[in-house]
């Protein structure tokens, strides 16, 4: 009988991975999830692009699943807008706990 109770206790209180704990916290707090998504996406954007693109990048914001990236150079902005679905997919591949619905260059 003690063994059954111990197994039941362990199944309910089994330690979660850090990723599971963070995912649970993000699901329970939408405001924190938005701030976390913005931080991760902004970091990925700045670290994964070349210096000319990073230098042309202004404010990065996130609302309702959409990442808005300000690009100062109009021709670069037009080129990036043409590739925005591909860029969104590439960012989503690198983001583990959260996903973007869309990326818009403004």
PDB file of N, CA and C in Angstrom:
ATOM      1  N   UNK A   1       0.824  -1.194   0.000  1.00  0.00           N
ATOM      2  CA  UNK A   1       0.000   0.000   0.000  1.00  0.00           C
ATOM      3  C   UNK A   1       0.864   1.253   0.000  1.00  0.00           C
ATOM      4  N   UNK A   2       1.929   1.268   0.778  1.00  0.00           N
ATOM      5  CA  UNK A   2       2.803   2.445   0.825  1.00  0.00           C
ATOM      6  C   UNK A   2       3.432   2.718  -0.530  1.00  0.00           C
ATOM      7  N   UNK A   3       3.806   1.663  -1.241  1.00  0.00           N
ATOM      8  CA  UNK A   3       4.416   1.831  -2.560  1.00  0.00           C
ATOM      9  C   UNK A   3       3.468   2.490  -3.531  1.00  0.00           C
ATOM     10  N   UNK A   4       2.188   2.127  -3.497  1.00  0.00           N
ATOM     11  CA  UNK A   4       1.204   2.743  -4.395  1.00  0.00           C
ATOM     12  C   UNK A   4       1.052   4.224  -4.086  1.00  0.00           C
ATOM     13  N   UNK A   5       0.970   4.566  -2.800  1.00  0.00           N
ATOM     14  CA  UNK A   5       0.841   5.975  -2.418  1.00  0.00           C
ATOM     15  C   UNK A   5       2.070   6.772  -2.838  1.00  0.00           C
ATOM     16  N   UNK A   6       3.235   6.173  -2.695  1.00  0.00           N
ATOM     17  CA  UNK A   6       4.467   6.858  -3.071  1.00  0.00           C
ATOM     18  C   UNK A   6       4.498   7.085  -4.583  1.00  0.00           C
ATOM     19  N   UNK A   7       4.088   6.094  -5.367  1.00  0.00           N
ATOM     20  CA  UNK A   7       4.048   6.265  -6.824  1.00  0.00           C
ATOM     21  C   UNK A   7       3.069   7.351  -7.218  1.00  0.00           C
ATOM     22  N   UNK A   8       1.905   7.397  -6.554  1.00  0.00           N
ATOM     23  CA  UNK A   8       0.904   8.416  -6.843  1.00  0.00           C
ATOM     24  C   UNK A   8       1.461   9.799  -6.510  1.00  0.00           C
ATOM     25  N   UNK A   9       2.118   9.907  -5.350  1.00  0.00           N
ATOM     26  CA  UNK A   9       2.712  11.178  -4.947  1.00  0.00           C
ATOM     27  C   UNK A   9       3.768  11.627  -5.958  1.00  0.00           C
ATOM     28  N   UNK A  10       4.607  10.713  -6.400  1.00  0.00           N
ATOM     29  CA  UNK A  10       5.661  11.062  -7.352  1.00  0.00           C
ATOM     30  C   UNK A  10       5.088  11.466  -8.702  1.00  0.00           C
ATOM     31  N   UNK A  11       3.996  10.850  -9.119  1.00  0.00           N
ATOM     32  CA  UNK A  11       3.441  11.202 -10.427  1.00  0.00           C
ATOM     33  C   UNK A  11       2.848  12.611 -10.406  1.00  0.00           C
ATOM     34  N   UNK A  12       2.269  13.022  -9.285  1.00  0.00           N
ATOM     35  CA  UNK A  12       1.702  14.364  -9.207  1.00  0.00           C
ATOM     36  C   UNK A  12       2.764  15.432  -8.977  1.00  0.00           C
ATOM     37  N   UNK A  13       3.827  15.076  -8.302  1.00  0.00           N
ATOM     38  CA  UNK A  13       4.844  16.050  -7.932  1.00  0.00           C
ATOM     39  C   UNK A  13       6.159  15.840  -8.658  1.00  0.00           C
ATOM     40  N   UNK A  14       6.112  15.167  -9.790  1.00  0.00           N
ATOM     41  CA  UNK A  14       7.336  14.949 -10.561  1.00  0.00           C
ATOM     42  C   UNK A  14       7.867  16.298 -11.023  1.00  0.00           C
ATOM     43  N   UNK A  15       9.147  16.506 -10.909  1.00  0.00           N
ATOM     44  CA  UNK A  15       9.711  17.801 -11.317  1.00  0.00           C
ATOM     45  C   UNK A  15       9.524  18.029 -12.818  1.00  0.00           C
ATOM     46  N   UNK A  16       9.150  19.244 -13.166  1.00  0.00           N
ATOM     47  CA  UNK A  16       9.001  19.635 -14.562  1.00  0.00           C
ATOM     48  C   UNK A  16      10.336  20.142 -15.077  1.00  0.00           C
ATOM     49  N   UNK A  17      10.453  20.136 -16.373  1.00  0.00           N
ATOM     50  CA  UNK A  17      11.642  20.754 -16.947  1.00  0.00           C
ATOM     51  C   UNK A  17      11.470  22.269 -16.856  1.00  0.00           C
ATOM     52  N   UNK A  18      12.546  22.974 -16.985  1.00  0.00           N
ATOM     53  CA  UNK A  18      12.487  24.432 -16.938  1.00  0.00           C
ATOM     54  C   UNK A  18      11.621  24.963 -18.076  1.00  0.00           C
ATOM     55  N   UNK A  19      11.722  24.352 -19.252  1.00  0.00           N
ATOM     56  CA  UNK A  19      10.896  24.764 -20.384  1.00  0.00           C
ATOM     57  C   UNK A  19       9.420  24.593 -20.112  1.00  0.00           C
ATOM     58  N   UNK A  20       9.034  23.475 -19.470  1.00  0.00           N
ATOM     59  CA  UNK A  20       7.632  23.244 -19.118  1.00  0.00           C
ATOM     60  C   UNK A  20       7.147  24.277 -18.111  1.00  0.00           C
ATOM     61  N   UNK A  21       7.980  24.597 -17.143  1.00  0.00           N
ATOM     62  CA  UNK A  21       7.609  25.578 -16.129  1.00  0.00           C
ATOM     63  C   UNK A  21       7.421  26.957 -16.755  1.00  0.00           C
ATOM     64  N   UNK A  22       8.306  27.352 -17.656  1.00  0.00           N
ATOM     65  CA  UNK A  22       8.191  28.658 -18.313  1.00  0.00           C
ATOM     66  C   UNK A  22       6.963  28.685 -19.214  1.00  0.00           C
ATOM     67  N   UNK A  23       6.717  27.606 -19.962  1.00  0.00           N
ATOM     68  CA  UNK A  23       5.546  27.545 -20.838  1.00  0.00           C
ATOM     69  C   UNK A  23       4.261  27.669 -20.026  1.00  0.00           C
ATOM     70  N   UNK A  24       4.195  27.015 -18.885  1.00  0.00           N
ATOM     71  CA  UNK A  24       3.028  27.105 -18.023  1.00  0.00           C
ATOM     72  C   UNK A  24       2.830  28.535 -17.517  1.00  0.00           C
ATOM     73  N   UNK A  25       3.922  29.174 -17.139  1.00  0.00           N
ATOM     74  CA  UNK A  25       3.850  30.555 -16.666  1.00  0.00           C
ATOM     75  C   UNK A  25       3.392  31.489 -17.790  1.00  0.00           C
ATOM     76  N   UNK A  26       3.867  31.276 -19.005  1.00  0.00           N
ATOM     77  CA  UNK A  26       3.469  32.118 -20.131  1.00  0.00           C
ATOM     78  C   UNK A  26       1.985  31.946 -20.455  1.00  0.00           C
ATOM     79  N   UNK A  27       1.482  30.714 -20.367  1.00  0.00           N
ATOM     80  CA  UNK A  27       0.061  30.473 -20.634  1.00  0.00           C
ATOM     81  C   UNK A  27      -0.831  31.134 -19.598  1.00  0.00           C
ATOM     82  N   UNK A  28      -0.353  31.221 -18.374  1.00  0.00           N
ATOM     83  CA  UNK A  28      -1.178  31.774 -17.306  1.00  0.00           C
ATOM     84  C   UNK A  28      -1.117  33.294 -17.210  1.00  0.00           C
ATOM     85  N   UNK A  29      -0.171  33.935 -17.893  1.00  0.00           N
ATOM     86  CA  UNK A  29      -0.026  35.388 -17.794  1.00  0.00           C
ATOM     87  C   UNK A  29       0.220  35.981 -19.186  1.00  0.00           C
ATOM     88  N   UNK A  30      -0.851  36.419 -19.886  1.00  0.00           N
ATOM     89  CA  UNK A  30      -0.699  36.931 -21.252  1.00  0.00           C
ATOM     90  C   UNK A  30       0.212  38.153 -21.367  1.00  0.00           C
ATOM     91  N   UNK A  31       0.205  39.028 -20.376  1.00  0.00           N
ATOM     92  CA  UNK A  31       1.059  40.217 -20.437  1.00  0.00           C
ATOM     93  C   UNK A  31       2.537  39.822 -20.373  1.00  0.00           C
ATOM     94  N   UNK A  32       2.845  38.883 -19.513  1.00  0.00           N
ATOM     95  CA  UNK A  32       4.216  38.399 -19.417  1.00  0.00           C
ATOM     96  C   UNK A  32       4.609  37.678 -20.700  1.00  0.00           C
ATOM     97  N   UNK A  33       3.661  36.941 -21.283  1.00  0.00           N
ATOM     98  CA  UNK A  33       3.925  36.224 -22.534  1.00  0.00           C
ATOM     99  C   UNK A  33       4.281  37.201 -23.651  1.00  0.00           C
ATOM    100  N   UNK A  34       3.567  38.334 -23.724  1.00  0.00           N
ATOM    101  CA  UNK A  34       3.879  39.334 -24.754  1.00  0.00           C
ATOM    102  C   UNK A  34       5.257  39.939 -24.535  1.00  0.00           C
ATOM    103  N   UNK A  35       5.576  40.276 -23.294  1.00  0.00           N
ATOM    104  CA  UNK A  35       6.892  40.857 -22.995  1.00  0.00           C
ATOM    105  C   UNK A  35       8.006  39.851 -23.290  1.00  0.00           C
ATOM    106  N   UNK A  36       7.783  38.590 -22.951  1.00  0.00           N
ATOM    107  CA  UNK A  36       8.773  37.544 -23.205  1.00  0.00           C
ATOM    108  C   UNK A  36       8.966  37.350 -24.707  1.00  0.00           C
ATOM    109  N   UNK A  37       7.869  37.302 -25.448  1.00  0.00           N
ATOM    110  CA  UNK A  37       7.923  37.123 -26.905  1.00  0.00           C
ATOM    111  C   UNK A  37       8.686  38.267 -27.549  1.00  0.00           C
ATOM    112  N   UNK A  38       8.400  39.495 -27.138  1.00  0.00           N
ATOM    113  CA  UNK A  38       9.100  40.663 -27.681  1.00  0.00           C
ATOM    114  C   UNK A  38      10.597  40.569 -27.404  1.00  0.00           C
ATOM    115  N   UNK A  39      10.961  40.223 -26.191  1.00  0.00           N
ATOM    116  CA  UNK A  39      12.379  40.150 -25.835  1.00  0.00           C
ATOM    117  C   UNK A  39      13.108  39.085 -26.659  1.00  0.00           C
ATOM    118  N   UNK A  40      12.499  37.923 -26.795  1.00  0.00           N
ATOM    119  CA  UNK A  40      13.131  36.838 -27.544  1.00  0.00           C
ATOM    120  C   UNK A  40      13.223  37.188 -29.029  1.00  0.00           C
ATOM    121  N   UNK A  41      12.123  37.686 -29.604  1.00  0.00           N
ATOM    122  CA  UNK A  41      12.104  38.015 -31.035  1.00  0.00           C
ATOM    123  C   UNK A  41      13.073  39.147 -31.361  1.00  0.00           C
ATOM    124  N   UNK A  42      13.120  40.167 -30.518  1.00  0.00           N
ATOM    125  CA  UNK A  42      14.035  41.292 -30.748  1.00  0.00           C
ATOM    126  C   UNK A  42      15.483  40.821 -30.686  1.00  0.00           C
ATOM    127  N   UNK A  43      15.793  40.003 -29.702  1.00  0.00           N
ATOM    128  CA  UNK A  43      17.148  39.471 -29.571  1.00  0.00           C
ATOM    129  C   UNK A  43      17.526  38.637 -30.800  1.00  0.00           C
ATOM    130  N   UNK A  44      16.627  37.781 -31.250  1.00  0.00           N
ATOM    131  CA  UNK A  44      16.890  36.972 -32.445  1.00  0.00           C
ATOM    132  C   UNK A  44      17.092  37.851 -33.672  1.00  0.00           C
ATOM    133  N   UNK A  45      16.248  38.863 -33.830  1.00  0.00           N
ATOM    134  CA  UNK A  45      16.350  39.750 -34.985  1.00  0.00           C
ATOM    135  C   UNK A  45      17.705  40.454 -35.016  1.00  0.00           C
ATOM    136  N   UNK A  46      18.107  40.986 -33.889  1.00  0.00           N
ATOM    137  CA  UNK A  46      19.349  41.754 -33.844  1.00  0.00           C
ATOM    138  C   UNK A  46      20.591  40.868 -33.971  1.00  0.00           C
ATOM    139  N   UNK A  47      20.532  39.655 -33.455  1.00  0.00           N
ATOM    140  CA  UNK A  47      21.699  38.775 -33.499  1.00  0.00           C
ATOM    141  C   UNK A  47      21.822  38.000 -34.805  1.00  0.00           C
ATOM    142  N   UNK A  48      20.734  37.831 -35.534  1.00  0.00           N
ATOM    143  CA  UNK A  48      20.785  36.974 -36.718  1.00  0.00           C
ATOM    144  C   UNK A  48      20.900  37.746 -38.031  1.00  0.00           C
ATOM    145  N   UNK A  49      20.988  39.056 -37.963  1.00  0.00           N
ATOM    146  CA  UNK A  49      21.082  39.851 -39.192  1.00  0.00           C
ATOM    147  C   UNK A  49      22.437  40.523 -39.331  1.00  0.00           C
ATOM    148  N   UNK A  50      22.700  40.964 -40.545  1.00  0.00           N
ATOM    149  CA  UNK A  50      23.963  41.636 -40.830  1.00  0.00           C
ATOM    150  C   UNK A  50      23.957  43.049 -40.242  1.00  0.00           C
ATOM    151  N   UNK A  51      25.146  43.635 -40.163  1.00  0.00           N
ATOM    152  CA  UNK A  51      25.286  44.984 -39.593  1.00  0.00           C
ATOM    153  C   UNK A  51      24.444  46.028 -40.337  1.00  0.00           C
ATOM    154  N   UNK A  52      24.389  46.032 -41.694  1.00  0.00           N
ATOM    155  CA  UNK A  52      23.559  47.044 -42.357  1.00  0.00           C
ATOM    156  C   UNK A  52      22.075  46.959 -41.995  1.00  0.00           C
ATOM    157  N   UNK A  53      21.573  45.742 -41.825  1.00  0.00           N
ATOM    158  CA  UNK A  53      20.157  45.592 -41.447  1.00  0.00           C
ATOM    159  C   UNK A  53      19.949  46.024 -40.001  1.00  0.00           C
ATOM    160  N   UNK A  54      20.845  45.636 -39.124  1.00  0.00           N
ATOM    161  CA  UNK A  54      20.733  46.026 -37.714  1.00  0.00           C
ATOM    162  C   UNK A  54      20.832  47.545 -37.574  1.00  0.00           C
ATOM    163  N   UNK A  55      21.725  48.174 -38.335  1.00  0.00           N
ATOM    164  CA  UNK A  55      21.866  49.632 -38.272  1.00  0.00           C
ATOM    165  C   UNK A  55      20.634  50.355 -38.802  1.00  0.00           C
ATOM    166  N   UNK A  56      19.890  49.729 -39.706  1.00  0.00           N
ATOM    167  CA  UNK A  56      18.678  50.336 -40.255  1.00  0.00           C
ATOM    168  C   UNK A  56      17.446  50.036 -39.410  1.00  0.00           C
ATOM    169  N   UNK A  57      17.615  49.224 -38.376  1.00  0.00           N
ATOM    170  CA  UNK A  57      16.497  48.837 -37.516  1.00  0.00           C
ATOM    171  C   UNK A  57      16.265  49.884 -36.444  1.00  0.00           C
ATOM    172  N   UNK A  58      15.001  50.271 -36.287  1.00  0.00           N
ATOM    173  CA  UNK A  58      14.611  51.196 -35.231  1.00  0.00           C
ATOM    174  C   UNK A  58      13.905  50.461 -34.117  1.00  0.00           C
ATOM    175  N   UNK A  59      12.744  50.937 -33.756  1.00  0.00           N
ATOM    176  CA  UNK A  59      11.973  50.349 -32.668  1.00  0.00           C
ATOM    177  C   UNK A  59      11.392  48.995 -33.080  1.00  0.00           C
ATOM    178  N   UNK A  60      11.395  48.055 -32.160  1.00  0.00           N
ATOM    179  CA  UNK A  60      10.776  46.751 -32.359  1.00  0.00           C
ATOM    180  C   UNK A  60       9.684  46.618 -31.308  1.00  0.00           C
ATOM    181  N   UNK A  61       8.457  46.309 -31.754  1.00  0.00           N
ATOM    182  CA  UNK A  61       7.344  46.159 -30.808  1.00  0.00           C
ATOM    183  C   UNK A  61       6.541  44.910 -31.155  1.00  0.00           C
ATOM    184  N   UNK A  62       5.674  44.514 -30.240  1.00  0.00           N
ATOM    185  CA  UNK A  62       4.895  43.290 -30.396  1.00  0.00           C
ATOM    186  C   UNK A  62       3.491  43.525 -29.870  1.00  0.00           C
ATOM    187  N   UNK A  63       2.484  43.223 -30.708  1.00  0.00           N
ATOM    188  CA  UNK A  63       1.088  43.349 -30.300  1.00  0.00           C
ATOM    189  C   UNK A  63       0.272  42.251 -30.961  1.00  0.00           C
ATOM    190  N   UNK A  64      -0.487  41.552 -30.177  1.00  0.00           N
ATOM    191  CA  UNK A  64      -1.444  40.551 -30.661  1.00  0.00           C
ATOM    192  C   UNK A  64      -0.821  39.543 -31.620  1.00  0.00           C
ATOM    193  N   UNK A  65       0.345  39.077 -31.302  1.00  0.00           N
ATOM    194  CA  UNK A  65       0.988  38.062 -32.120  1.00  0.00           C
ATOM    195  C   UNK A  65       1.747  38.591 -33.320  1.00  0.00           C
ATOM    196  N   UNK A  66       1.774  39.911 -33.510  1.00  0.00           N
ATOM    197  CA  UNK A  66       2.446  40.521 -34.659  1.00  0.00           C
ATOM    198  C   UNK A  66       3.674  41.288 -34.175  1.00  0.00           C
ATOM    199  N   UNK A  67       4.814  40.981 -34.775  1.00  0.00           N
ATOM    200  CA  UNK A  67       6.060  41.680 -34.472  1.00  0.00           C
ATOM    201  C   UNK A  67       6.217  42.826 -35.466  1.00  0.00           C
ATOM    202  N   UNK A  68       6.317  44.038 -34.963  1.00  0.00           N
ATOM    203  CA  UNK A  68       6.502  45.232 -35.793  1.00  0.00           C
ATOM    204  C   UNK A  68       7.961  45.670 -35.674  1.00  0.00           C
ATOM    205  N   UNK A  69       8.633  45.787 -36.819  1.00  0.00           N
ATOM    206  CA  UNK A  69      10.031  46.187 -36.835  1.00  0.00           C
ATOM    207  C   UNK A  69      10.155  47.446 -37.687  1.00  0.00           C
ATOM    208  N   UNK A  70      10.632  48.519 -37.076  1.00  0.00           N
ATOM    209  CA  UNK A  70      10.822  49.772 -37.799  1.00  0.00           C
ATOM    210  C   UNK A  70      12.129  49.690 -38.578  1.00  0.00           C
ATOM    211  N   UNK A  71      12.052  49.952 -39.879  1.00  0.00           N
ATOM    212  CA  UNK A  71      13.232  49.964 -40.751  1.00  0.00           C
ATOM    213  C   UNK A  71      13.327  51.362 -41.358  1.00  0.00           C
ATOM    214  N   UNK A  72      14.463  52.029 -41.144  1.00  0.00           N
ATOM    215  CA  UNK A  72      14.633  53.404 -41.593  1.00  0.00           C
ATOM    216  C   UNK A  72      14.837  53.523 -43.103  1.00  0.00           C
ATOM    217  N   UNK A  73      15.481  52.543 -43.715  1.00  0.00           N
ATOM    218  CA  UNK A  73      15.782  52.594 -45.149  1.00  0.00           C
ATOM    219  C   UNK A  73      14.570  52.099 -45.948  1.00  0.00           C
ATOM    220  N   UNK A  74      13.943  52.960 -46.782  1.00  0.00           N
ATOM    221  CA  UNK A  74      12.729  52.575 -47.503  1.00  0.00           C
ATOM    222  C   UNK A  74      12.915  51.395 -48.468  1.00  0.00           C
ATOM    223  N   UNK A  75      14.037  51.342 -49.179  1.00  0.00           N
ATOM    224  CA  UNK A  75      14.228  50.234 -50.115  1.00  0.00           C
ATOM    225  C   UNK A  75      14.453  48.917 -49.363  1.00  0.00           C
ATOM    226  N   UNK A  76      15.180  48.963 -48.273  1.00  0.00           N
ATOM    227  CA  UNK A  76      15.371  47.775 -47.453  1.00  0.00           C
ATOM    228  C   UNK A  76      14.041  47.317 -46.855  1.00  0.00           C
ATOM    229  N   UNK A  77      13.248  48.286 -46.388  1.00  0.00           N
ATOM    230  CA  UNK A  77      11.930  47.963 -45.827  1.00  0.00           C
ATOM    231  C   UNK A  77      11.054  47.260 -46.863  1.00  0.00           C
ATOM    232  N   UNK A  78      11.072  47.732 -48.110  1.00  0.00           N
ATOM    233  CA  UNK A  78      10.288  47.116 -49.180  1.00  0.00           C
ATOM    234  C   UNK A  78      10.763  45.684 -49.454  1.00  0.00           C
ATOM    235  N   UNK A  79      12.075  45.483 -49.483  1.00  0.00           N
ATOM    236  CA  UNK A  79      12.621  44.135 -49.693  1.00  0.00           C
ATOM    237  C   UNK A  79      12.241  43.191 -48.551  1.00  0.00           C
ATOM    238  N   UNK A  80      12.341  43.670 -47.323  1.00  0.00           N
ATOM    239  CA  UNK A  80      12.002  42.835 -46.173  1.00  0.00           C
ATOM    240  C   UNK A  80      10.508  42.518 -46.140  1.00  0.00           C
ATOM    241  N   UNK A  81       9.681  43.499 -46.509  1.00  0.00           N
ATOM    242  CA  UNK A  81       8.239  43.245 -46.553  1.00  0.00           C
ATOM    243  C   UNK A  81       7.896  42.170 -47.573  1.00  0.00           C
ATOM    244  N   UNK A  82       8.628  42.126 -48.666  1.00  0.00           N
ATOM    245  CA  UNK A  82       8.385  41.094 -49.681  1.00  0.00           C
ATOM    246  C   UNK A  82       8.735  39.704 -49.151  1.00  0.00           C
ATOM    247  N   UNK A  83       9.624  39.639 -48.165  1.00  0.00           N
ATOM    248  CA  UNK A  83      10.059  38.356 -47.611  1.00  0.00           C
ATOM    249  C   UNK A  83       9.526  38.122 -46.199  1.00  0.00           C
ATOM    250  N   UNK A  84       8.520  38.858 -45.776  1.00  0.00           N
ATOM    251  CA  UNK A  84       8.128  38.823 -44.366  1.00  0.00           C
ATOM    252  C   UNK A  84       7.594  37.473 -43.898  1.00  0.00           C
ATOM    253  N   UNK A  85       6.919  36.710 -44.759  1.00  0.00           N
ATOM    254  CA  UNK A  85       6.436  35.392 -44.348  1.00  0.00           C
ATOM    255  C   UNK A  85       7.613  34.446 -44.092  1.00  0.00           C
ATOM    256  N   UNK A  86       8.600  34.502 -44.974  1.00  0.00           N
ATOM    257  CA  UNK A  86       9.795  33.672 -44.794  1.00  0.00           C
ATOM    258  C   UNK A  86      10.542  34.068 -43.526  1.00  0.00           C
ATOM    259  N   UNK A  87      10.649  35.359 -43.276  1.00  0.00           N
ATOM    260  CA  UNK A  87      11.322  35.865 -42.081  1.00  0.00           C
ATOM    261  C   UNK A  87      10.569  35.418 -40.826  1.00  0.00           C
ATOM    262  N   UNK A  88       9.251  35.494 -40.868  1.00  0.00           N
ATOM    263  CA  UNK A  88       8.428  35.060 -39.742  1.00  0.00           C
ATOM    264  C   UNK A  88       8.654  33.573 -39.466  1.00  0.00           C
ATOM    265  N   UNK A  89       8.662  32.771 -40.507  1.00  0.00           N
ATOM    266  CA  UNK A  89       8.904  31.331 -40.340  1.00  0.00           C
ATOM    267  C   UNK A  89      10.286  31.047 -39.753  1.00  0.00           C
ATOM    268  N   UNK A  90      11.295  31.787 -40.222  1.00  0.00           N
ATOM    269  CA  UNK A  90      12.647  31.593 -39.702  1.00  0.00           C
ATOM    270  C   UNK A  90      12.742  31.969 -38.223  1.00  0.00           C
ATOM    271  N   UNK A  91      12.094  33.064 -37.839  1.00  0.00           N
ATOM    272  CA  UNK A  91      12.095  33.449 -36.429  1.00  0.00           C
ATOM    273  C   UNK A  91      11.359  32.406 -35.592  1.00  0.00           C
ATOM    274  N   UNK A  92      10.218  31.924 -36.087  1.00  0.00           N
ATOM    275  CA  UNK A  92       9.439  30.926 -35.354  1.00  0.00           C
ATOM    276  C   UNK A  92      10.210  29.621 -35.176  1.00  0.00           C
ATOM    277  N   UNK A  93      11.037  29.259 -36.151  1.00  0.00           N
ATOM    278  CA  UNK A  93      11.846  28.049 -36.024  1.00  0.00           C
ATOM    279  C   UNK A  93      12.831  28.151 -34.872  1.00  0.00           C
ATOM    280  N   UNK A  94      13.311  29.345 -34.617  1.00  0.00           N
ATOM    281  CA  UNK A  94      14.309  29.546 -33.560  1.00  0.00           C
ATOM    282  C   UNK A  94      13.683  29.803 -32.193  1.00  0.00           C
ATOM    283  N   UNK A  95      12.422  30.187 -32.172  1.00  0.00           N
ATOM    284  CA  UNK A  95      11.733  30.461 -30.911  1.00  0.00           C
ATOM    285  C   UNK A  95      11.071  29.175 -30.440  1.00  0.00           C
ATOM    286  N   UNK A  96      11.349  28.765 -29.219  1.00  0.00           N
ATOM    287  CA  UNK A  96      10.873  27.472 -28.747  1.00  0.00           C
ATOM    288  C   UNK A  96       9.536  27.544 -28.023  1.00  0.00           C
ATOM    289  N   UNK A  97       9.321  28.511 -27.167  1.00  0.00           N
ATOM    290  CA  UNK A  97       8.147  28.515 -26.311  1.00  0.00           C
ATOM    291  C   UNK A  97       6.989  29.336 -26.853  1.00  0.00           C
ATOM    292  N   UNK A  98       7.263  30.281 -27.713  1.00  0.00           N
ATOM    293  CA  UNK A  98       6.227  31.162 -28.248  1.00  0.00           C
ATOM    294  C   UNK A  98       6.389  31.271 -29.757  1.00  0.00           C
ATOM    295  N   UNK A  99       5.326  31.692 -30.423  1.00  0.00           N
ATOM    296  CA  UNK A  99       5.356  31.823 -31.875  1.00  0.00           C
ATOM    297  C   UNK A  99       4.761  33.159 -32.293  1.00  0.00           C
ATOM    298  N   UNK A 100       5.216  33.652 -33.435  1.00  0.00           N
ATOM    299  CA  UNK A 100       4.692  34.885 -34.020  1.00  0.00           C
ATOM    300  C   UNK A 100       3.629  34.529 -35.056  1.00  0.00           C
ATOM    301  N   UNK A 101       2.593  35.329 -35.137  1.00  0.00           N
ATOM    302  CA  UNK A 101       1.610  35.148 -36.213  1.00  0.00           C
ATOM    303  C   UNK A 101       2.098  35.788 -37.499  1.00  0.00           C
ATOM    304  N   UNK A 102       2.764  36.943 -37.337  1.00  0.00           N
ATOM    305  CA  UNK A 102       3.175  37.715 -38.512  1.00  0.00           C
ATOM    306  C   UNK A 102       4.284  38.682 -38.123  1.00  0.00           C
ATOM    307  N   UNK A 103       5.050  39.095 -39.135  1.00  0.00           N
ATOM    308  CA  UNK A 103       6.066  40.126 -38.964  1.00  0.00           C
ATOM    309  C   UNK A 103       5.740  41.240 -39.946  1.00  0.00           C
ATOM    310  N   UNK A 104       5.737  42.475 -39.462  1.00  0.00           N
ATOM    311  CA  UNK A 104       5.492  43.632 -40.331  1.00  0.00           C
ATOM    312  C   UNK A 104       6.637  44.622 -40.170  1.00  0.00           C
ATOM    313  N   UNK A 105       7.094  45.112 -41.310  1.00  0.00           N
ATOM    314  CA  UNK A 105       8.163  46.115 -41.336  1.00  0.00           C
ATOM    315  C   UNK A 105       7.536  47.464 -41.593  1.00  0.00           C
ATOM    316  N   UNK A 106       7.764  48.393 -40.688  1.00  0.00           N
ATOM    317  CA  UNK A 106       7.144  49.725 -40.785  1.00  0.00           C
ATOM    318  C   UNK A 106       8.196  50.805 -40.854  1.00  0.00           C
TER     319      UNK A 106
END
